[in-house]
Amino acid sequence: MVIKAIATDLYRAQQNVHRLQEKLEQADLKEKEALRRELAEAEAERDQLRRMVDARKEKPPFRTSFRDT
């Protein structure tokens, strides 16, 4: 269940990054610097969530039982 919540947050973060990218393309010169900072923060959040989802999907590097041979 936890991975589902993280995946939902990841989807929202991706949507936010996409929205900010579109906004940056149409922004005035004055607004661009603030939008770039906001976009960088949104991308960092998205990347962190992506790493969390990927880590939850990976199998542990060690053997969990004797039957996994």
PDB file of N, CA and C in Angstrom:
ATOM      1  N   MET A   1       0.818  -1.194   0.000  1.00  0.00           N
ATOM      2  CA  MET A   1       0.000   0.000   0.000  1.00  0.00           C
ATOM      3  C   MET A   1       0.863   1.259   0.000  1.00  0.00           C
ATOM      4  N   VAL A   2       1.993   1.204   0.655  1.00  0.00           N
ATOM      5  CA  VAL A   2       2.859   2.372   0.713  1.00  0.00           C
ATOM      6  C   VAL A   2       3.364   2.757  -0.679  1.00  0.00           C
ATOM      7  N   ILE A   3       3.688   1.760  -1.478  1.00  0.00           N
ATOM      8  CA  ILE A   3       4.202   2.055  -2.816  1.00  0.00           C
ATOM      9  C   ILE A   3       3.129   2.736  -3.664  1.00  0.00           C
ATOM     10  N   LYS A   4       1.878   2.399  -3.420  1.00  0.00           N
ATOM     11  CA  LYS A   4       0.788   3.040  -4.177  1.00  0.00           C
ATOM     12  C   LYS A   4       0.722   4.527  -3.848  1.00  0.00           C
ATOM     13  N   ALA A   5       0.875   4.887  -2.586  1.00  0.00           N
ATOM     14  CA  ALA A   5       0.853   6.292  -2.180  1.00  0.00           C
ATOM     15  C   ALA A   5       2.055   7.043  -2.760  1.00  0.00           C
ATOM     16  N   ILE A   6       3.206   6.399  -2.751  1.00  0.00           N
ATOM     17  CA  ILE A   6       4.410   7.029  -3.311  1.00  0.00           C
ATOM     18  C   ILE A   6       4.240   7.215  -4.815  1.00  0.00           C
ATOM     19  N   ALA A   7       3.672   6.221  -5.477  1.00  0.00           N
ATOM     20  CA  ALA A   7       3.449   6.312  -6.922  1.00  0.00           C
ATOM     21  C   ALA A   7       2.467   7.436  -7.252  1.00  0.00           C
ATOM     22  N   THR A   8       1.454   7.611  -6.416  1.00  0.00           N
ATOM     23  CA  THR A   8       0.502   8.713  -6.613  1.00  0.00           C
ATOM     24  C   THR A   8       1.204  10.057  -6.469  1.00  0.00           C
ATOM     25  N   ASP A   9       2.059  10.170  -5.447  1.00  0.00           N
ATOM     26  CA  ASP A   9       2.828  11.403  -5.266  1.00  0.00           C
ATOM     27  C   ASP A   9       3.774  11.637  -6.441  1.00  0.00           C
ATOM     28  N   LEU A  10       4.360  10.570  -6.946  1.00  0.00           N
ATOM     29  CA  LEU A  10       5.252  10.686  -8.103  1.00  0.00           C
ATOM     30  C   LEU A  10       4.495  11.208  -9.311  1.00  0.00           C
ATOM     31  N   TYR A  11       3.299  10.688  -9.538  1.00  0.00           N
ATOM     32  CA  TYR A  11       2.488  11.150 -10.660  1.00  0.00           C
ATOM     33  C   TYR A  11       2.181  12.646 -10.530  1.00  0.00           C
ATOM     34  N   ARG A  12       1.809  13.080  -9.348  1.00  0.00           N
ATOM     35  CA  ARG A  12       1.526  14.504  -9.126  1.00  0.00           C
ATOM     36  C   ARG A  12       2.771  15.358  -9.339  1.00  0.00           C
ATOM     37  N   ALA A  13       3.919  14.853  -8.896  1.00  0.00           N
ATOM     38  CA  ALA A  13       5.172  15.591  -9.081  1.00  0.00           C
ATOM     39  C   ALA A  13       5.512  15.704 -10.561  1.00  0.00           C
ATOM     40  N   GLN A  14       5.282  14.636 -11.324  1.00  0.00           N
ATOM     41  CA  GLN A  14       5.544  14.671 -12.766  1.00  0.00           C
ATOM     42  C   GLN A  14       4.625  15.675 -13.452  1.00  0.00           C
ATOM     43  N   GLN A  15       3.374  15.707 -13.046  1.00  0.00           N
ATOM     44  CA  GLN A  15       2.429  16.668 -13.610  1.00  0.00           C
ATOM     45  C   GLN A  15       2.860  18.099 -13.292  1.00  0.00           C
ATOM     46  N   ASN A  16       3.333  18.315 -12.074  1.00  0.00           N
ATOM     47  CA  ASN A  16       3.789  19.639 -11.668  1.00  0.00           C
ATOM     48  C   ASN A  16       5.002  20.076 -12.491  1.00  0.00           C
ATOM     49  N   VAL A  17       5.950  19.166 -12.701  1.00  0.00           N
ATOM     50  CA  VAL A  17       7.129  19.476 -13.518  1.00  0.00           C
ATOM     51  C   VAL A  17       6.700  19.831 -14.938  1.00  0.00           C
ATOM     52  N   HIS A  18       5.798  19.051 -15.490  1.00  0.00           N
ATOM     53  CA  HIS A  18       5.322  19.315 -16.849  1.00  0.00           C
ATOM     54  C   HIS A  18       4.633  20.683 -16.935  1.00  0.00           C
ATOM     55  N   ARG A  19       3.807  20.987 -15.943  1.00  0.00           N
ATOM     56  CA  ARG A  19       3.103  22.273 -15.919  1.00  0.00           C
ATOM     57  C   ARG A  19       4.102  23.432 -15.827  1.00  0.00           C
ATOM     58  N   LEU A  20       5.121  23.273 -14.987  1.00  0.00           N
ATOM     59  CA  LEU A  20       6.117  24.337 -14.836  1.00  0.00           C
ATOM     60  C   LEU A  20       6.955  24.506 -16.103  1.00  0.00           C
ATOM     61  N   GLN A  21       7.249  23.415 -16.794  1.00  0.00           N
ATOM     62  CA  GLN A  21       8.001  23.510 -18.047  1.00  0.00           C
ATOM     63  C   GLN A  21       7.209  24.289 -19.094  1.00  0.00           C
ATOM     64  N   GLU A  22       5.930  24.011 -19.180  1.00  0.00           N
ATOM     65  CA  GLU A  22       5.096  24.743 -20.132  1.00  0.00           C
ATOM     66  C   GLU A  22       4.990  26.216 -19.748  1.00  0.00           C
ATOM     67  N   LYS A  23       4.863  26.469 -18.464  1.00  0.00           N
ATOM     68  CA  LYS A  23       4.769  27.845 -17.975  1.00  0.00           C
ATOM     69  C   LYS A  23       6.065  28.609 -18.263  1.00  0.00           C
ATOM     70  N   LEU A  24       7.202  27.921 -18.121  1.00  0.00           N
ATOM     71  CA  LEU A  24       8.501  28.546 -18.355  1.00  0.00           C
ATOM     72  C   LEU A  24       8.666  28.937 -19.820  1.00  0.00           C
ATOM     73  N   GLU A  25       8.166  28.103 -20.725  1.00  0.00           N
ATOM     74  CA  GLU A  25       8.270  28.403 -22.152  1.00  0.00           C
ATOM     75  C   GLU A  25       7.511  29.675 -22.526  1.00  0.00           C
ATOM     76  N   GLN A  26       6.425  29.947 -21.828  1.00  0.00           N
ATOM     77  CA  GLN A  26       5.584  31.087 -22.172  1.00  0.00           C
ATOM     78  C   GLN A  26       5.806  32.296 -21.259  1.00  0.00           C
ATOM     79  N   ALA A  27       6.729  32.197 -20.314  1.00  0.00           N
ATOM     80  CA  ALA A  27       6.915  33.245 -19.316  1.00  0.00           C
ATOM     81  C   ALA A  27       7.712  34.422 -19.861  1.00  0.00           C
ATOM     82  N   ASP A  28       7.503  35.559 -19.218  1.00  0.00           N
ATOM     83  CA  ASP A  28       8.298  36.747 -19.515  1.00  0.00           C
ATOM     84  C   ASP A  28       9.699  36.571 -18.939  1.00  0.00           C
ATOM     85  N   LEU A  29      10.596  37.444 -19.354  1.00  0.00           N
ATOM     86  CA  LEU A  29      11.969  37.373 -18.883  1.00  0.00           C
ATOM     87  C   LEU A  29      12.050  37.542 -17.367  1.00  0.00           C
ATOM     88  N   LYS A  30      11.202  38.372 -16.811  1.00  0.00           N
ATOM     89  CA  LYS A  30      11.213  38.615 -15.365  1.00  0.00           C
ATOM     90  C   LYS A  30      10.806  37.374 -14.582  1.00  0.00           C
ATOM     91  N   GLU A  31       9.869  36.637 -15.105  1.00  0.00           N
ATOM     92  CA  GLU A  31       9.331  35.476 -14.397  1.00  0.00           C
ATOM     93  C   GLU A  31      10.180  34.223 -14.569  1.00  0.00           C
ATOM     94  N   LYS A  32      11.020  34.192 -15.583  1.00  0.00           N
ATOM     95  CA  LYS A  32      11.747  32.972 -15.919  1.00  0.00           C
ATOM     96  C   LYS A  32      12.671  32.495 -14.801  1.00  0.00           C
ATOM     97  N   GLU A  33      13.381  33.395 -14.146  1.00  0.00           N
ATOM     98  CA  GLU A  33      14.322  32.983 -13.104  1.00  0.00           C
ATOM     99  C   GLU A  33      13.602  32.335 -11.929  1.00  0.00           C
ATOM    100  N   ALA A  34      12.495  32.916 -11.517  1.00  0.00           N
ATOM    101  CA  ALA A  34      11.719  32.338 -10.416  1.00  0.00           C
ATOM    102  C   ALA A  34      11.147  30.980 -10.817  1.00  0.00           C
ATOM    103  N   LEU A  35      10.685  30.881 -12.055  1.00  0.00           N
ATOM    104  CA  LEU A  35      10.142  29.608 -12.527  1.00  0.00           C
ATOM    105  C   LEU A  35      11.231  28.549 -12.646  1.00  0.00           C
ATOM    106  N   ARG A  36      12.438  28.946 -13.033  1.00  0.00           N
ATOM    107  CA  ARG A  36      13.546  27.986 -13.121  1.00  0.00           C
ATOM    108  C   ARG A  36      13.865  27.410 -11.746  1.00  0.00           C
ATOM    109  N   ARG A  37      13.873  28.271 -10.720  1.00  0.00           N
ATOM    110  CA  ARG A  37      14.123  27.786  -9.358  1.00  0.00           C
ATOM    111  C   ARG A  37      13.018  26.832  -8.913  1.00  0.00           C
ATOM    112  N   GLU A  38      11.785  27.208  -9.168  1.00  0.00           N
ATOM    113  CA  GLU A  38      10.651  26.361  -8.795  1.00  0.00           C
ATOM    114  C   GLU A  38      10.696  25.026  -9.555  1.00  0.00           C
ATOM    115  N   LEU A  39      11.069  25.095 -10.824  1.00  0.00           N
ATOM    116  CA  LEU A  39      11.178  23.884 -11.634  1.00  0.00           C
ATOM    117  C   LEU A  39      12.288  22.978 -11.101  1.00  0.00           C
ATOM    118  N   ALA A  40      13.414  23.551 -10.716  1.00  0.00           N
ATOM    119  CA  ALA A  40      14.520  22.753 -10.178  1.00  0.00           C
ATOM    120  C   ALA A  40      14.091  22.040  -8.897  1.00  0.00           C
ATOM    121  N   GLU A  41      13.352  22.726  -8.042  1.00  0.00           N
ATOM    122  CA  GLU A  41      12.859  22.096  -6.813  1.00  0.00           C
ATOM    123  C   GLU A  41      11.870  20.983  -7.132  1.00  0.00           C
ATOM    124  N   ALA A  42      10.987  21.224  -8.091  1.00  0.00           N
ATOM    125  CA  ALA A  42       9.992  20.217  -8.475  1.00  0.00           C
ATOM    126  C   ALA A  42      10.668  18.996  -9.090  1.00  0.00           C
ATOM    127  N   GLU A  43      11.696  19.220  -9.903  1.00  0.00           N
ATOM    128  CA  GLU A  43      12.420  18.104 -10.499  1.00  0.00           C
ATOM    129  C   GLU A  43      13.158  17.296  -9.440  1.00  0.00           C
ATOM    130  N   ALA A  44      13.720  17.974  -8.441  1.00  0.00           N
ATOM    131  CA  ALA A  44      14.408  17.277  -7.356  1.00  0.00           C
ATOM    132  C   ALA A  44      13.426  16.402  -6.574  1.00  0.00           C
ATOM    133  N   GLU A  45      12.246  16.941  -6.311  1.00  0.00           N
ATOM    134  CA  GLU A  45      11.221  16.172  -5.604  1.00  0.00           C
ATOM    135  C   GLU A  45      10.789  14.959  -6.437  1.00  0.00           C
ATOM    136  N   ARG A  46      10.576  15.180  -7.730  1.00  0.00           N
ATOM    137  CA  ARG A  46      10.185  14.092  -8.628  1.00  0.00           C
ATOM    138  C   ARG A  46      11.247  12.998  -8.668  1.00  0.00           C
ATOM    139  N   ASP A  47      12.521  13.409  -8.762  1.00  0.00           N
ATOM    140  CA  ASP A  47      13.601  12.431  -8.825  1.00  0.00           C
ATOM    141  C   ASP A  47      13.715  11.635  -7.534  1.00  0.00           C
ATOM    142  N   GLN A  48      13.501  12.294  -6.404  1.00  0.00           N
ATOM    143  CA  GLN A  48      13.547  11.606  -5.122  1.00  0.00           C
ATOM    144  C   GLN A  48      12.423  10.572  -5.032  1.00  0.00           C
ATOM    145  N   LEU A  49      11.234  10.956  -5.444  1.00  0.00           N
ATOM    146  CA  LEU A  49      10.110  10.025  -5.429  1.00  0.00           C
ATOM    147  C   LEU A  49      10.351   8.863  -6.392  1.00  0.00           C
ATOM    148  N   ARG A  50      10.941   9.144  -7.552  1.00  0.00           N
ATOM    149  CA  ARG A  50      11.256   8.089  -8.527  1.00  0.00           C
ATOM    150  C   ARG A  50      12.224   7.075  -7.910  1.00  0.00           C
ATOM    151  N   ARG A  51      13.251   7.584  -7.197  1.00  0.00           N
ATOM    152  CA  ARG A  51      14.202   6.677  -6.550  1.00  0.00           C
ATOM    153  C   ARG A  51      13.519   5.827  -5.483  1.00  0.00           C
ATOM    154  N   MET A  52      12.571   6.421  -4.757  1.00  0.00           N
ATOM    155  CA  MET A  52      11.849   5.676  -3.729  1.00  0.00           C
ATOM    156  C   MET A  52      11.016   4.561  -4.351  1.00  0.00           C
ATOM    157  N   VAL A  53      10.334   4.853  -5.443  1.00  0.00           N
ATOM    158  CA  VAL A  53       9.525   3.836  -6.112  1.00  0.00           C
ATOM    159  C   VAL A  53      10.429   2.732  -6.656  1.00  0.00           C
ATOM    160  N   ASP A  54      11.529   3.104  -7.272  1.00  0.00           N
ATOM    161  CA  ASP A  54      12.447   2.106  -7.823  1.00  0.00           C
ATOM    162  C   ASP A  54      13.038   1.232  -6.724  1.00  0.00           C
ATOM    163  N   ALA A  55      13.349   1.821  -5.587  1.00  0.00           N
ATOM    164  CA  ALA A  55      13.923   1.065  -4.473  1.00  0.00           C
ATOM    165  C   ALA A  55      12.905   0.083  -3.904  1.00  0.00           C
ATOM    166  N   ARG A  56      11.641   0.474  -3.868  1.00  0.00           N
ATOM    167  CA  ARG A  56      10.601  -0.422  -3.346  1.00  0.00           C
ATOM    168  C   ARG A  56      10.348  -1.590  -4.287  1.00  0.00           C
ATOM    169  N   LYS A  57      10.592  -1.398  -5.580  1.00  0.00           N
ATOM    170  CA  LYS A  57      10.333  -2.447  -6.558  1.00  0.00           C
ATOM    171  C   LYS A  57      11.466  -3.462  -6.630  1.00  0.00           C
ATOM    172  N   GLU A  58      12.672  -3.078  -6.221  1.00  0.00           N
ATOM    173  CA  GLU A  58      13.820  -3.983  -6.311  1.00  0.00           C
ATOM    174  C   GLU A  58      13.719  -5.074  -5.261  1.00  0.00           C
ATOM    175  N   LYS A  59      14.195  -6.259  -5.620  1.00  0.00           N
ATOM    176  CA  LYS A  59      14.268  -7.350  -4.666  1.00  0.00           C
ATOM    177  C   LYS A  59      15.487  -7.127  -3.779  1.00  0.00           C
ATOM    178  N   PRO A  60      15.440  -7.593  -2.552  1.00  0.00           N
ATOM    179  CA  PRO A  60      16.597  -7.422  -1.676  1.00  0.00           C
ATOM    180  C   PRO A  60      17.815  -8.157  -2.228  1.00  0.00           C
ATOM    181  N   PRO A  61      19.000  -7.623  -2.005  1.00  0.00           N
ATOM    182  CA  PRO A  61      20.211  -8.237  -2.562  1.00  0.00           C
ATOM    183  C   PRO A  61      20.636  -9.502  -1.813  1.00  0.00           C
ATOM    184  N   PHE A  62      19.982  -9.828  -0.734  1.00  0.00           N
ATOM    185  CA  PHE A  62      20.334 -11.007   0.043  1.00  0.00           C
ATOM    186  C   PHE A  62      19.227 -12.055  -0.055  1.00  0.00           C
ATOM    187  N   ARG A  63      19.555 -13.249   0.304  1.00  0.00           N
ATOM    188  CA  ARG A  63      18.600 -14.356   0.229  1.00  0.00           C
ATOM    189  C   ARG A  63      17.653 -14.299   1.430  1.00  0.00           C
ATOM    190  N   THR A  64      16.363 -14.385   1.191  1.00  0.00           N
ATOM    191  CA  THR A  64      15.392 -14.281   2.276  1.00  0.00           C
ATOM    192  C   THR A  64      14.952 -15.640   2.799  1.00  0.00           C
ATOM    193  N   SER A  65      15.194 -16.699   2.048  1.00  0.00           N
ATOM    194  CA  SER A  65      14.879 -18.059   2.533  1.00  0.00           C
ATOM    195  C   SER A  65      15.780 -19.051   1.823  1.00  0.00           C
ATOM    196  N   PHE A  66      15.759 -20.258   2.310  1.00  0.00           N
ATOM    197  CA  PHE A  66      16.591 -21.288   1.705  1.00  0.00           C
ATOM    198  C   PHE A  66      16.019 -21.825   0.409  1.00  0.00           C
ATOM    199  N   ARG A  67      14.742 -21.539   0.159  1.00  0.00           N
ATOM    200  CA  ARG A  67      14.101 -22.037  -1.049  1.00  0.00           C
ATOM    201  C   ARG A  67      14.433 -21.199  -2.284  1.00  0.00           C
ATOM    202  N   ASP A  68      14.966 -20.006  -2.105  1.00  0.00           N
ATOM    203  CA  ASP A  68      15.318 -19.123  -3.223  1.00  0.00           C
ATOM    204  C   ASP A  68      16.712 -19.466  -3.728  1.00  0.00           C
ATOM    205  N   THR A  69      16.869 -20.571  -4.366  1.00  0.00           N
ATOM    206  CA  THR A  69      18.194 -20.934  -4.870  1.00  0.00           C
ATOM    207  C   THR A  69      18.236 -20.937  -6.348  1.00  0.00           C
TER     208      THR A  69
END
